[in-house]
Amino acid sequence: MVCCIFKVYDKLRGENKEAYELKVLVIGPYYHGDKKLQGMEEQKLWYVQQLLERRNETSVDKYIMALSDMEEGAR
C-alpha cells in the first residue's frame, strides 16, 4: 500500500479555499512555519519527547537518520 499527499494547485484551492486549508495538524512541508499551526507543532515536539523518555533515550538523531534514509522514497 502506498500513501501519498499531493499539493493542491492554487487554481483549484481558489475555488474553495476553506476546503483545502489545514486547520490543526501539518504533515509535510507545505505549511511548515505557519503561525496559526504553531500550537500543534509544539504538541508534536512534546509527544516526541515523551516517546524518547519511554525508551530511556535523549536524542532523536538515530530516528532522523533512519527517516533521512527513507526520504527519497517518500517523495
N, C-alpha and C. Protein backbone atom coordinates (compact mmCIF):
# COMPACT_ATOMS: atom_id res chain seq x y z
N MET A 1 0.85 -1.18 0.00
CA MET A 1 0.00 0.00 0.00
C MET A 1 0.89 1.24 0.00
N VAL A 2 0.57 2.19 -0.85
CA VAL A 2 1.33 3.43 -0.93
C VAL A 2 0.41 4.59 -0.55
N CYS A 3 0.89 5.43 0.35
CA CYS A 3 0.13 6.61 0.75
C CYS A 3 0.78 7.84 0.14
N CYS A 4 -0.02 8.76 -0.33
CA CYS A 4 0.51 9.97 -0.95
C CYS A 4 -0.25 11.19 -0.45
N ILE A 5 0.46 12.28 -0.32
CA ILE A 5 -0.15 13.57 -0.01
C ILE A 5 0.22 14.49 -1.16
N PHE A 6 -0.75 14.96 -1.89
CA PHE A 6 -0.49 15.79 -3.05
C PHE A 6 -0.75 17.26 -2.74
N LYS A 7 0.00 18.11 -3.40
CA LYS A 7 -0.20 19.55 -3.29
C LYS A 7 -1.43 19.92 -4.12
N VAL A 8 -2.29 20.73 -3.55
CA VAL A 8 -3.47 21.21 -4.27
C VAL A 8 -3.06 22.50 -4.97
N TYR A 9 -3.26 22.55 -6.26
CA TYR A 9 -2.86 23.72 -7.04
C TYR A 9 -3.68 24.95 -6.67
N ASP A 10 -3.06 26.10 -6.77
CA ASP A 10 -3.70 27.36 -6.39
C ASP A 10 -5.03 27.59 -7.09
N LYS A 11 -5.11 27.22 -8.36
CA LYS A 11 -6.36 27.43 -9.11
C LYS A 11 -7.51 26.64 -8.48
N LEU A 12 -7.26 25.39 -8.14
CA LEU A 12 -8.29 24.57 -7.51
C LEU A 12 -8.58 25.06 -6.10
N ARG A 13 -7.54 25.38 -5.35
CA ARG A 13 -7.71 25.88 -3.99
C ARG A 13 -8.53 27.16 -3.98
N GLY A 14 -8.37 27.98 -4.98
CA GLY A 14 -9.09 29.25 -5.08
C GLY A 14 -10.60 29.06 -5.17
N GLU A 15 -11.03 27.92 -5.68
CA GLU A 15 -12.46 27.65 -5.80
C GLU A 15 -13.13 27.51 -4.44
N ASN A 16 -12.42 26.90 -3.49
CA ASN A 16 -12.97 26.70 -2.15
C ASN A 16 -11.80 26.60 -1.17
N LYS A 17 -11.22 27.73 -0.84
CA LYS A 17 -10.01 27.78 -0.03
C LYS A 17 -10.17 27.06 1.31
N GLU A 18 -11.31 27.22 1.95
CA GLU A 18 -11.56 26.59 3.26
C GLU A 18 -11.45 25.06 3.18
N ALA A 19 -11.81 24.48 2.06
CA ALA A 19 -11.79 23.03 1.93
C ALA A 19 -10.37 22.46 1.92
N TYR A 20 -9.39 23.29 1.56
CA TYR A 20 -8.03 22.80 1.40
C TYR A 20 -7.04 23.35 2.42
N GLU A 21 -7.46 24.27 3.26
CA GLU A 21 -6.56 24.85 4.27
C GLU A 21 -6.49 23.94 5.48
N LEU A 22 -5.28 23.69 5.94
CA LEU A 22 -5.11 22.88 7.15
C LEU A 22 -5.57 23.66 8.36
N LYS A 23 -6.18 22.97 9.29
CA LYS A 23 -6.72 23.63 10.47
C LYS A 23 -5.96 23.28 11.75
N VAL A 24 -5.42 22.05 11.83
CA VAL A 24 -4.85 21.60 13.09
C VAL A 24 -3.44 21.03 12.95
N LEU A 25 -3.25 20.09 12.06
CA LEU A 25 -2.02 19.30 12.04
C LEU A 25 -1.34 19.38 10.68
N VAL A 26 -0.04 19.59 10.69
CA VAL A 26 0.73 19.66 9.46
C VAL A 26 1.50 18.36 9.29
N ILE A 27 1.39 17.78 8.12
CA ILE A 27 2.21 16.63 7.75
C ILE A 27 2.87 17.01 6.43
N GLY A 28 4.16 17.12 6.44
CA GLY A 28 4.88 17.52 5.24
C GLY A 28 5.25 18.99 5.26
N PRO A 29 5.89 19.44 4.20
CA PRO A 29 6.50 20.78 4.21
C PRO A 29 5.61 21.94 3.78
N TYR A 30 4.43 21.71 3.26
CA TYR A 30 3.68 22.79 2.63
C TYR A 30 3.30 23.92 3.57
N TYR A 31 3.02 23.63 4.80
CA TYR A 31 2.58 24.67 5.74
C TYR A 31 3.60 24.88 6.86
N HIS A 32 4.80 24.35 6.69
CA HIS A 32 5.83 24.48 7.73
C HIS A 32 6.06 25.95 8.06
N GLY A 33 6.01 26.27 9.33
CA GLY A 33 6.24 27.65 9.77
C GLY A 33 4.99 28.51 9.84
N ASP A 34 3.84 27.97 9.48
CA ASP A 34 2.58 28.72 9.53
C ASP A 34 2.25 29.01 11.00
N LYS A 35 2.14 30.27 11.36
CA LYS A 35 1.94 30.69 12.75
C LYS A 35 0.65 30.13 13.36
N LYS A 36 -0.40 30.01 12.56
CA LYS A 36 -1.67 29.54 13.13
C LYS A 36 -1.63 28.05 13.50
N LEU A 37 -0.62 27.34 13.01
CA LEU A 37 -0.48 25.92 13.32
C LEU A 37 0.63 25.66 14.34
N GLN A 38 1.22 26.71 14.89
CA GLN A 38 2.35 26.58 15.80
C GLN A 38 2.00 25.78 17.06
N GLY A 39 0.80 25.93 17.57
CA GLY A 39 0.41 25.19 18.77
C GLY A 39 0.54 23.70 18.59
N MET A 40 0.14 23.19 17.45
CA MET A 40 0.24 21.75 17.20
C MET A 40 1.69 21.33 17.00
N GLU A 41 2.51 22.20 16.43
CA GLU A 41 3.93 21.89 16.30
C GLU A 41 4.54 21.66 17.68
N GLU A 42 4.16 22.49 18.62
CA GLU A 42 4.66 22.34 19.99
C GLU A 42 4.16 21.03 20.60
N GLN A 43 2.93 20.65 20.31
CA GLN A 43 2.38 19.38 20.80
C GLN A 43 3.15 18.20 20.22
N LYS A 44 3.47 18.27 18.93
CA LYS A 44 4.21 17.17 18.29
C LYS A 44 5.58 17.01 18.94
N LEU A 45 6.25 18.12 19.23
CA LEU A 45 7.55 18.04 19.89
C LEU A 45 7.43 17.43 21.29
N TRP A 46 6.37 17.79 22.00
CA TRP A 46 6.14 17.23 23.33
C TRP A 46 5.96 15.72 23.25
N TYR A 47 5.18 15.25 22.27
CA TYR A 47 4.95 13.81 22.12
C TYR A 47 6.24 13.08 21.76
N VAL A 48 7.06 13.68 20.92
CA VAL A 48 8.35 13.07 20.60
C VAL A 48 9.19 12.92 21.87
N GLN A 49 9.21 13.96 22.68
CA GLN A 49 9.97 13.90 23.93
C GLN A 49 9.44 12.79 24.84
N GLN A 50 8.13 12.66 24.92
CA GLN A 50 7.54 11.60 25.74
C GLN A 50 7.92 10.21 25.23
N LEU A 51 7.91 10.03 23.92
CA LEU A 51 8.30 8.74 23.35
C LEU A 51 9.76 8.43 23.64
N LEU A 52 10.62 9.43 23.55
CA LEU A 52 12.03 9.23 23.86
C LEU A 52 12.21 8.82 25.32
N GLU A 53 11.50 9.49 26.20
CA GLU A 53 11.62 9.18 27.63
C GLU A 53 11.17 7.75 27.93
N ARG A 54 10.15 7.27 27.24
CA ARG A 54 9.68 5.90 27.44
C ARG A 54 10.76 4.88 27.12
N ARG A 55 11.59 5.24 26.14
CA ARG A 55 12.65 4.34 25.70
C ARG A 55 13.99 4.67 26.35
N ASN A 56 13.97 5.56 27.34
CA ASN A 56 15.20 5.99 28.02
C ASN A 56 16.23 6.54 27.04
N GLU A 57 15.76 7.32 26.09
CA GLU A 57 16.64 7.95 25.11
C GLU A 57 16.56 9.45 25.28
N THR A 58 17.61 10.13 24.83
CA THR A 58 17.63 11.59 24.97
C THR A 58 17.75 12.31 23.63
N SER A 59 17.96 11.57 22.56
CA SER A 59 18.21 12.21 21.27
C SER A 59 17.36 11.57 20.17
N VAL A 60 16.96 12.39 19.24
CA VAL A 60 16.20 11.90 18.08
C VAL A 60 17.11 11.61 16.90
N ASP A 61 18.42 11.75 17.09
CA ASP A 61 19.37 11.63 15.98
C ASP A 61 19.23 10.32 15.20
N LYS A 62 19.11 9.18 15.89
CA LYS A 62 19.02 7.92 15.16
C LYS A 62 17.72 7.83 14.35
N TYR A 63 16.66 8.45 14.83
CA TYR A 63 15.39 8.45 14.11
C TYR A 63 15.46 9.37 12.89
N ILE A 64 16.12 10.50 13.07
CA ILE A 64 16.31 11.41 11.94
C ILE A 64 17.12 10.73 10.85
N MET A 65 18.17 10.01 11.25
CA MET A 65 18.99 9.29 10.26
C MET A 65 18.16 8.22 9.55
N ALA A 66 17.34 7.49 10.29
CA ALA A 66 16.51 6.45 9.69
C ALA A 66 15.51 7.06 8.71
N LEU A 67 14.91 8.18 9.10
CA LEU A 67 13.95 8.84 8.21
C LEU A 67 14.63 9.43 6.99
N SER A 68 15.82 9.98 7.16
CA SER A 68 16.52 10.56 6.01
C SER A 68 16.87 9.49 5.00
N ASP A 69 17.12 8.25 5.47
CA ASP A 69 17.37 7.15 4.55
C ASP A 69 16.13 6.81 3.72
N MET A 70 14.95 7.07 4.27
CA MET A 70 13.69 6.77 3.57
C MET A 70 13.13 7.98 2.82
N GLU A 71 13.74 9.14 2.99
CA GLU A 71 13.17 10.38 2.47
C GLU A 71 12.93 10.36 0.97
N GLU A 72 13.91 9.93 0.21
CA GLU A 72 13.75 9.97 -1.25
C GLU A 72 12.59 9.09 -1.71
N GLY A 73 12.45 7.92 -1.12
CA GLY A 73 11.34 7.04 -1.47
C GLY A 73 9.99 7.62 -1.09
N ALA A 74 9.98 8.44 -0.03
CA ALA A 74 8.72 9.05 0.42
C ALA A 74 8.30 10.19 -0.49
N ARG A 75 9.23 10.78 -1.18
CA ARG A 75 8.90 11.90 -2.07
C ARG A 75 8.46 11.35 -3.38
